C-alpha cells in the first residue's frame, strides 16, 4: 500500500493567477508554491481561430456527436523546438508567454466546444445545435520530456487543485452538463502534441458512456438500496486478485470485465461525487495513485506506453447521489510489439474482445516497476 499522506500546510498551498493571450483566450497559472510572479505578456499578435463547431443528434443511438471541422488545421506533431506548450523563447513564442511554469490551463486554440455559442436544442429528428461548452488544455510541467508518472507529489497536488478549480468554475456555466478531465498519451492514441498535458471538456450534455453507467447505478439502487460503485469496489477488495495498488482512501484494480489489455480503475473508497468533494489528503492520494498506475503501465512494457486516463465525475445537475468518483486508465498495448485495434466487433457492434486475462494483467501491473525488468503480458 502507498503510505498515507500528511495534510499540506497553508504555505504549500498552490496559488493561481489569470491573464489573457493575444487572441483573447484565458490562461491561468497554478503555482506549486505562493510568491511566483508571471510578468510576461503574449506578444505574438495572433488572431482568434474562426470556427463554429456544432453538435448533431444521432436519433438511432440517442447520442450527441460533435462536428468541429476547423480542428483539421490544428498543430500536428511539431518538433521539440516548435512545441506550443513549452515555455516561450525568443525563437519560439508559445501558448505560455513565460520562461518557466508549474501548471497552466488555457482555452484550446482549436476548440471542440466553445463558450456561449447557444443553447442545446432537441427539436426534430435531425437535431443540431451550437457546440456550447469549453475545451481547455492543462499542461502538467514545463519539462517537455517529462510525464505525469514522473512528477513529484507537490506537482501532482497542484494538478489536482487545478482540476478542482476548473471543475467548479465550468460547472457554474448555464449550458454545461458535464465536466470531463482526461489525458491522452502517445501517437497510437492520436495525440498531436507530445508535451505532457491533459484536457478539460465541458459538455452541454452527459456523455453517453457516463449516462449508461449512471442508468445502471440507478436501477441497482432501486433494486438493492445500495451504491453500485461502492459495492463493485468492495467486491474487488474482497477478491483482491485484480487489485494493483491502493492507499488508505483509494484502490486501483483491473476491472472484472476489462475492454482493454491494460485497464485499471481507481475508485474512491468513500462515496464522493467529484474531485471537489475530496479532502486535501484524499486529493493527493488520488493524484499519487494515478501516477503510480501510469508508472506501472510503463513498467509492463517498454515505455512510453500509450494510454488514456480519465476522471469520471458526477454530472453538474443530475444523478449526483448515484455518481461515484473514479478514474479509468487504459492502453491499447497488448504486448511489446502489438496493439489492440478496434475492429468489426468493437467498432460496429460495440462488443469488445480482450486478448488478455484481467487477473494476468493485474499480476503484471503489481510486479511492474519503472526502470525495472519489463514483463510482457503473454509471458507465463
Protein backbone atom coordinates (compact mmCIF):
# COMPACT_ATOMS: atom_id res chain seq x y z
CA UNK A 1 0.00 0.00 0.00
CA UNK A 2 1.17 3.52 -0.76
CA UNK A 3 1.85 5.28 2.54
CA UNK A 4 -0.70 7.79 3.90
CA UNK A 5 -0.03 11.44 3.07
CA UNK A 6 0.07 14.29 5.56
CA UNK A 7 -2.10 17.39 5.36
CA UNK A 8 -0.31 20.11 3.38
CA UNK A 9 0.47 23.33 5.22
CA UNK A 10 -1.01 26.67 4.17
CA UNK A 11 2.44 27.75 2.97
CA UNK A 12 2.44 24.85 0.50
CA UNK A 13 -0.98 25.63 -0.97
CA UNK A 14 -0.76 26.24 -4.74
CA UNK A 15 -1.69 29.72 -5.97
CA UNK A 16 -3.36 30.85 -9.18
CA UNK A 17 -3.11 33.90 -11.43
CA UNK A 18 -5.01 34.64 -14.63
CA UNK A 19 -4.00 36.56 -17.77
CA UNK A 20 -5.06 36.92 -21.40
CA UNK A 21 -3.39 35.57 -24.52
CA UNK A 22 -3.04 37.79 -27.59
CA UNK A 23 -6.23 36.48 -29.19
CA UNK A 24 -8.31 36.97 -26.03
CA UNK A 25 -8.21 33.44 -24.63
CA UNK A 26 -7.75 32.97 -20.90
CA UNK A 27 -4.57 31.49 -19.41
CA UNK A 28 -4.26 30.57 -15.72
CA UNK A 29 -1.06 29.74 -13.86
CA UNK A 30 -1.29 27.32 -10.94
CA UNK A 31 1.93 27.51 -8.94
CA UNK A 32 3.28 24.84 -6.61
CA UNK A 33 4.12 27.49 -4.02
CA UNK A 34 2.94 31.07 -3.46
CA UNK A 35 5.03 34.08 -4.40
CA UNK A 36 5.90 33.27 -8.02
CA UNK A 37 5.46 36.13 -10.49
CA UNK A 38 4.41 35.86 -14.14
CA UNK A 39 5.09 39.30 -15.65
CA UNK A 40 5.39 38.27 -19.30
CA UNK A 41 2.67 39.12 -21.84
CA UNK A 42 1.75 37.40 -25.11
CA UNK A 43 3.35 39.38 -27.94
CA UNK A 44 2.54 37.02 -30.82
CA UNK A 45 -0.11 39.20 -32.45
CA UNK A 46 -2.26 36.16 -33.28
CA UNK A 47 -5.94 36.42 -34.20
CA UNK A 48 -8.74 34.14 -32.96
CA UNK A 49 -9.21 30.91 -34.92
CA UNK A 50 -12.56 31.08 -36.70
CA UNK A 51 -14.72 28.02 -36.29
CA UNK A 52 -18.32 27.19 -35.45
CA UNK A 53 -18.42 23.68 -34.01
CA UNK A 54 -21.85 22.12 -33.69
CA UNK A 55 -23.41 19.10 -32.08
CA UNK A 56 -25.70 16.78 -34.05
CA UNK A 57 -28.03 14.23 -32.51
CA UNK A 58 -27.85 10.61 -33.63
CA UNK A 59 -31.53 9.53 -33.36
CA UNK A 60 -30.67 5.83 -33.63
CA UNK A 61 -28.26 5.67 -30.69
CA UNK A 62 -29.66 8.73 -28.89
CA UNK A 63 -26.18 10.29 -28.70
CA UNK A 64 -24.75 13.69 -29.49
CA UNK A 65 -21.80 13.93 -31.92
CA UNK A 66 -19.51 16.99 -32.07
CA UNK A 67 -18.71 18.30 -35.56
CA UNK A 68 -15.64 20.59 -35.42
CA UNK A 69 -14.16 20.84 -38.90
CA UNK A 70 -11.84 23.75 -38.06
CA UNK A 71 -9.75 21.37 -35.94
CA UNK A 72 -8.31 19.92 -39.15
CA UNK A 73 -5.90 22.87 -39.09
CA UNK A 74 -4.55 22.31 -35.56
CA UNK A 75 -0.84 21.86 -34.91
CA UNK A 76 0.27 18.30 -35.63
CA UNK A 77 3.34 16.69 -34.04
CA UNK A 78 5.76 19.66 -34.22
CA UNK A 79 9.46 19.29 -33.46
CA UNK A 80 10.55 19.92 -29.87
CA UNK A 81 11.90 23.38 -30.70
CA UNK A 82 8.47 24.37 -32.09
CA UNK A 83 6.34 22.87 -29.32
CA UNK A 84 3.49 25.30 -28.50
CA UNK A 85 3.23 24.03 -24.90
CA UNK A 86 6.83 24.68 -23.85
CA UNK A 87 7.78 27.97 -22.17
CA UNK A 88 8.28 30.82 -24.62
CA UNK A 89 11.71 31.63 -26.01
CA UNK A 90 12.89 34.38 -28.36
CA UNK A 91 12.78 31.94 -31.27
CA UNK A 92 9.58 30.14 -30.24
CA UNK A 93 6.84 32.29 -28.68
CA UNK A 94 4.31 29.73 -27.43
CA UNK A 95 0.91 29.46 -25.76
CA UNK A 96 2.64 30.12 -22.44
CA UNK A 97 4.29 33.59 -22.51
CA UNK A 98 6.71 32.85 -19.69
CA UNK A 99 10.21 31.40 -19.34
CA UNK A 100 9.01 28.72 -16.93
CA UNK A 101 5.84 27.47 -15.23
CA UNK A 102 4.48 24.80 -12.91
CA UNK A 103 0.94 24.06 -14.18
CA UNK A 104 -1.05 26.15 -16.66
CA UNK A 105 -4.59 25.90 -18.01
CA UNK A 106 -5.75 27.78 -21.10
CA UNK A 107 -8.55 27.76 -23.66
CA UNK A 108 -7.74 25.47 -26.58
CA UNK A 109 -6.88 27.44 -29.72
CA UNK A 110 -8.77 24.82 -31.78
CA UNK A 111 -11.71 24.00 -29.50
CA UNK A 112 -14.27 21.23 -29.95
CA UNK A 113 -16.65 23.18 -27.72
CA UNK A 114 -16.88 26.96 -27.43
CA UNK A 115 -18.19 29.43 -24.86
CA UNK A 116 -21.71 30.84 -25.12
CA UNK A 117 -22.50 29.76 -28.67
CA UNK A 118 -26.16 28.98 -28.00
CA UNK A 119 -28.41 26.60 -26.13
CA UNK A 120 -28.95 22.89 -26.59
CA UNK A 121 -31.95 22.05 -28.77
CA UNK A 122 -33.55 18.65 -29.33
CA UNK A 123 -36.22 19.69 -31.84
CA UNK A 124 -36.74 17.49 -34.89
CA UNK A 125 -35.42 14.12 -35.99
CA UNK A 126 -32.22 15.66 -37.41
CA UNK A 127 -31.50 17.92 -34.45
CA UNK A 128 -28.44 20.10 -34.22
CA UNK A 129 -27.20 22.95 -32.04
CA UNK A 130 -24.07 25.03 -31.46
CA UNK A 131 -21.39 23.13 -29.57
CA UNK A 132 -21.61 25.23 -26.42
CA UNK A 133 -19.19 24.42 -23.61
CA UNK A 134 -15.44 24.65 -23.15
CA UNK A 135 -12.25 22.96 -24.35
CA UNK A 136 -9.27 23.66 -22.13
CA UNK A 137 -5.67 22.43 -22.12
CA UNK A 138 -3.83 21.69 -18.86
CA UNK A 139 -0.03 21.47 -19.04
CA UNK A 140 1.44 19.35 -16.25
CA UNK A 141 5.03 20.60 -16.47
CA UNK A 142 7.29 22.95 -18.40
CA UNK A 143 9.62 19.97 -19.00
CA UNK A 144 8.85 18.66 -22.48
CA UNK A 145 10.40 15.28 -21.74
CA UNK A 146 8.54 14.64 -18.50
CA UNK A 147 5.36 12.63 -17.92
CA UNK A 148 2.56 12.52 -15.35
CA UNK A 149 4.00 9.43 -13.67
CA UNK A 150 7.36 11.14 -13.08
CA UNK A 151 6.03 14.24 -11.31
CA UNK A 152 6.67 14.81 -7.58
CA UNK A 153 3.76 14.80 -5.10
CA UNK A 154 3.81 18.60 -4.77
CA UNK A 155 3.24 18.99 -8.52
CA UNK A 156 0.58 16.28 -8.52
CA UNK A 157 -1.21 18.19 -5.78
CA UNK A 158 -1.11 21.36 -7.91
CA UNK A 159 -2.59 19.46 -10.86
CA UNK A 160 -5.35 18.10 -8.64
CA UNK A 161 -6.22 21.57 -7.34
CA UNK A 162 -6.23 22.92 -10.89
CA UNK A 163 -8.69 20.20 -11.93
CA UNK A 164 -10.94 21.10 -8.99
CA UNK A 165 -10.73 24.81 -9.82
CA UNK A 166 -11.78 24.20 -13.41
CA UNK A 167 -14.48 21.65 -12.48
CA UNK A 168 -16.11 24.14 -10.12
CA UNK A 169 -15.79 27.11 -12.49
CA UNK A 170 -17.06 25.29 -15.57
CA UNK A 171 -19.93 23.69 -13.67
CA UNK A 172 -21.28 27.18 -12.95
CA UNK A 173 -21.84 27.90 -16.65
CA UNK A 174 -25.51 27.57 -17.55
CA UNK A 175 -25.04 25.41 -20.65
CA UNK A 176 -22.60 22.91 -19.08
CA UNK A 177 -23.91 19.49 -18.01
CA UNK A 178 -20.68 17.55 -17.55
CA UNK A 179 -17.00 18.35 -16.86
CA UNK A 180 -14.57 15.75 -18.17
CA UNK A 181 -10.85 15.78 -17.22
CA UNK A 182 -8.57 13.45 -19.17
CA UNK A 183 -5.13 12.81 -20.62
CA UNK A 184 -4.21 11.20 -23.93
CA UNK A 185 -0.61 10.00 -24.36
CA UNK A 186 1.06 8.54 -27.41
CA UNK A 187 0.70 8.77 -31.17
CA UNK A 188 -1.06 5.39 -31.05
CA UNK A 189 -3.86 7.15 -29.15
CA UNK A 190 -3.93 10.03 -31.64
CA UNK A 191 -2.15 12.83 -29.78
CA UNK A 192 -0.91 15.76 -31.85
CA UNK A 193 1.43 17.21 -29.19
CA UNK A 194 3.91 15.20 -27.13
CA UNK A 195 4.36 17.71 -24.31
CA UNK A 196 2.88 16.29 -21.05
CA UNK A 197 -0.62 17.71 -20.91
CA UNK A 198 -4.27 16.82 -20.47
CA UNK A 199 -7.58 18.34 -21.47
CA UNK A 200 -10.74 19.50 -19.76
CA UNK A 201 -14.01 19.39 -21.70
CA UNK A 202 -17.25 20.96 -20.51
CA UNK A 203 -20.06 19.25 -22.43
CA UNK A 204 -23.61 20.59 -22.91
CA UNK A 205 -24.84 17.03 -22.34
CA UNK A 206 -23.95 14.00 -20.24
CA UNK A 207 -21.65 11.75 -22.35
CA UNK A 208 -23.36 8.52 -23.43
CA UNK A 209 -20.98 6.13 -21.68
CA UNK A 210 -21.31 8.06 -18.43
CA UNK A 211 -25.08 8.13 -18.84
CA UNK A 212 -25.22 4.34 -19.32
CA UNK A 213 -23.23 3.79 -16.13
CA UNK A 214 -25.47 6.11 -14.15
CA UNK A 215 -28.59 4.42 -15.51
CA UNK A 216 -27.17 1.10 -14.30
CA UNK A 217 -26.43 2.65 -10.91
CA UNK A 218 -29.99 4.00 -10.65
CA UNK A 219 -31.50 0.58 -11.42
CA UNK A 220 -29.13 -1.05 -8.92
CA UNK A 221 -30.13 1.39 -6.18
CA UNK A 222 -33.84 0.77 -6.87
CA UNK A 223 -33.24 -2.97 -6.67
CA UNK A 224 -30.86 -3.16 -3.70
CA UNK A 225 -30.83 0.24 -2.00
CA UNK A 226 -27.03 0.38 -2.33
CA UNK A 227 -24.42 2.15 -4.47
CA UNK A 228 -23.33 0.07 -7.47
CA UNK A 229 -19.85 1.60 -7.49
CA UNK A 230 -19.29 1.18 -3.74
CA UNK A 231 -20.33 -2.46 -4.00
CA UNK A 232 -18.07 -3.09 -7.01
CA UNK A 233 -15.17 -1.56 -5.07
CA UNK A 234 -15.95 -3.73 -2.03
CA UNK A 235 -16.20 -6.85 -4.21
CA UNK A 236 -12.79 -6.20 -5.78
CA UNK A 237 -11.24 -5.58 -2.34
CA UNK A 238 -12.74 -8.84 -1.07
CA UNK A 239 -11.48 -10.79 -4.10
CA UNK A 240 -8.08 -8.98 -4.30
CA UNK A 241 -6.89 -10.95 -7.36
CA UNK A 242 -7.20 -7.86 -9.54
CA UNK A 243 -6.09 -5.21 -7.03
CA UNK A 244 -2.98 -3.45 -8.35
CA UNK A 245 -2.23 -0.76 -5.77
CA UNK A 246 -4.01 1.14 -3.02
CA UNK A 247 -3.90 3.97 -0.49
CA UNK A 248 -5.98 4.46 2.67
CA UNK A 249 -8.65 6.30 0.65
CA UNK A 250 -8.38 4.85 -2.87
CA UNK A 251 -7.95 1.48 -4.54
CA UNK A 252 -6.68 0.68 -8.05
CA UNK A 253 -7.77 -2.55 -9.69
CA UNK A 254 -8.17 -4.22 -13.05
CA UNK A 255 -11.94 -4.49 -13.54
CA UNK A 256 -13.70 -7.85 -13.70
CA UNK A 257 -14.61 -7.35 -17.38
CA UNK A 258 -11.99 -5.03 -18.91
CA UNK A 259 -12.23 -3.96 -22.52
CA UNK A 260 -8.52 -3.16 -22.91
CA UNK A 261 -5.35 -5.27 -22.40
CA UNK A 262 -4.10 -2.80 -19.81
CA UNK A 263 -7.02 -1.28 -17.93
CA UNK A 264 -7.10 -0.04 -14.35
CA UNK A 265 -9.86 1.74 -12.44
CA UNK A 266 -9.13 3.88 -9.39
CA UNK A 267 -12.10 4.16 -7.02
CA UNK A 268 -12.56 6.41 -4.03
CA UNK A 269 -13.33 4.17 -1.05
CA UNK A 270 -15.64 6.87 0.30
CA UNK A 271 -18.77 7.69 -1.70
CA UNK A 272 -17.96 11.07 -3.26
CA UNK A 273 -19.40 12.65 -6.39
CA UNK A 274 -16.46 14.56 -7.84
CA UNK A 275 -12.95 15.85 -7.24
CA UNK A 276 -14.18 18.93 -5.39
CA UNK A 277 -15.64 16.65 -2.66
CA UNK A 278 -12.19 15.37 -1.69
CA UNK A 279 -10.18 16.49 1.31
CA UNK A 280 -6.63 17.69 0.64
CA UNK A 281 -5.25 14.33 1.79
CA UNK A 282 -7.68 12.40 -0.42
CA UNK A 283 -6.85 14.61 -3.41
CA UNK A 284 -3.13 13.99 -3.02
CA UNK A 285 -3.70 10.27 -2.68
CA UNK A 286 -5.80 10.24 -5.84
CA UNK A 287 -3.12 12.03 -7.86
CA UNK A 288 -0.26 9.94 -6.43
CA UNK A 289 -2.13 6.70 -7.11
CA UNK A 290 -2.85 7.85 -10.66
CA UNK A 291 0.88 8.48 -11.16
CA UNK A 292 1.66 5.07 -9.64
CA UNK A 293 -0.70 3.25 -12.02
CA UNK A 294 0.64 5.08 -15.08
CA UNK A 295 4.20 4.29 -13.99
CA UNK A 296 3.18 0.63 -13.81
CA UNK A 297 1.96 0.85 -17.40
CA UNK A 298 5.47 1.96 -18.37
CA UNK A 299 6.86 -0.85 -16.24
CA UNK A 300 4.81 -3.50 -18.02
CA UNK A 301 6.17 -2.72 -21.49
CA UNK A 302 8.99 -0.64 -22.95
CA UNK A 303 7.95 2.99 -22.37
CA UNK A 304 6.38 5.26 -23.31
CA UNK A 305 3.22 3.15 -23.22
CA UNK A 306 0.25 4.90 -24.90
CA UNK A 307 -2.77 5.41 -22.69
CA UNK A 308 -5.91 7.36 -21.89
CA UNK A 309 -6.58 8.35 -18.28
CA UNK A 310 -9.92 10.00 -17.45
CA UNK A 311 -11.65 11.10 -14.27
CA UNK A 312 -15.35 10.24 -14.26
CA UNK A 313 -17.23 12.69 -12.07
CA UNK A 314 -20.88 13.40 -11.34
CA UNK A 315 -22.91 15.40 -13.85
CA UNK A 316 -23.47 19.03 -12.90
CA UNK A 317 -27.19 18.77 -12.11
CA UNK A 318 -28.40 15.15 -12.32
CA UNK A 319 -27.62 11.72 -10.83
CA UNK A 320 -25.27 13.19 -8.25
CA UNK A 321 -26.32 10.80 -5.49
CA UNK A 322 -25.69 7.76 -7.73
CA UNK A 323 -22.34 9.06 -9.01
CA UNK A 324 -19.08 7.79 -7.55
CA UNK A 325 -15.73 9.41 -8.35
CA UNK A 326 -13.30 7.16 -10.19
CA UNK A 327 -10.51 7.24 -12.74
CA UNK A 328 -10.33 4.87 -15.69
CA UNK A 329 -6.91 4.37 -17.30
CA UNK A 330 -6.33 2.05 -20.23
CA UNK A 331 -3.87 1.29 -23.01
CA UNK A 332 -4.22 -0.49 -26.37
CA UNK A 333 -0.76 -2.06 -25.82
CA UNK A 334 -1.20 -5.87 -25.57
CA UNK A 335 2.43 -6.92 -25.95
CA UNK A 336 5.76 -5.23 -26.51
CA UNK A 337 5.16 -5.31 -30.30
CA UNK A 338 1.37 -5.43 -30.59
CA UNK A 339 -1.55 -3.03 -30.22
CA UNK A 340 -5.22 -3.77 -29.83
CA UNK A 341 -7.23 -2.14 -32.62
CA UNK A 342 -10.96 -1.61 -32.55
CA UNK A 343 -12.13 -3.81 -35.42
CA UNK A 344 -15.54 -5.10 -36.51
CA UNK A 345 -16.91 -6.43 -33.23
CA UNK A 346 -15.81 -3.42 -31.19
CA UNK A 347 -16.44 -0.61 -33.69
CA UNK A 348 -19.53 -1.88 -35.49
CA UNK A 349 -21.26 -3.99 -32.83
CA UNK A 350 -19.90 -2.37 -29.67
CA UNK A 351 -18.75 -5.72 -28.27
CA UNK A 352 -15.16 -5.69 -27.01
CA UNK A 353 -12.93 -8.75 -27.25
CA UNK A 354 -9.95 -8.72 -24.86
CA UNK A 355 -6.94 -10.95 -25.58
CA UNK A 356 -5.60 -10.73 -22.01
CA UNK A 357 -6.98 -12.29 -18.82
CA UNK A 358 -7.64 -9.50 -16.30
CA UNK A 359 -6.06 -11.48 -13.45
CA UNK A 360 -2.88 -11.85 -15.54
CA UNK A 361 -2.89 -8.12 -16.33
CA UNK A 362 -3.24 -7.31 -12.62
CA UNK A 363 -0.35 -9.64 -11.78
CA UNK A 364 1.87 -7.96 -14.37
CA UNK A 365 0.99 -4.48 -13.14
CA UNK A 366 1.55 -5.39 -9.48
CA UNK A 367 5.07 -6.55 -10.35
CA UNK A 368 5.80 -3.79 -12.85
CA UNK A 369 8.22 -1.11 -11.74
CA UNK A 370 9.69 1.71 -13.87
CA UNK A 371 13.29 1.10 -14.91
CA UNK A 372 12.99 -2.50 -13.66
CA UNK A 373 12.71 -5.74 -15.60
CA UNK A 374 9.97 -5.37 -18.19
CA UNK A 375 7.27 -8.02 -18.26
CA UNK A 376 5.35 -9.00 -21.36
CA UNK A 377 1.66 -9.80 -21.00
CA UNK A 378 1.99 -13.04 -22.94
CA UNK A 379 4.64 -14.45 -20.57
CA UNK A 380 3.51 -17.21 -18.21
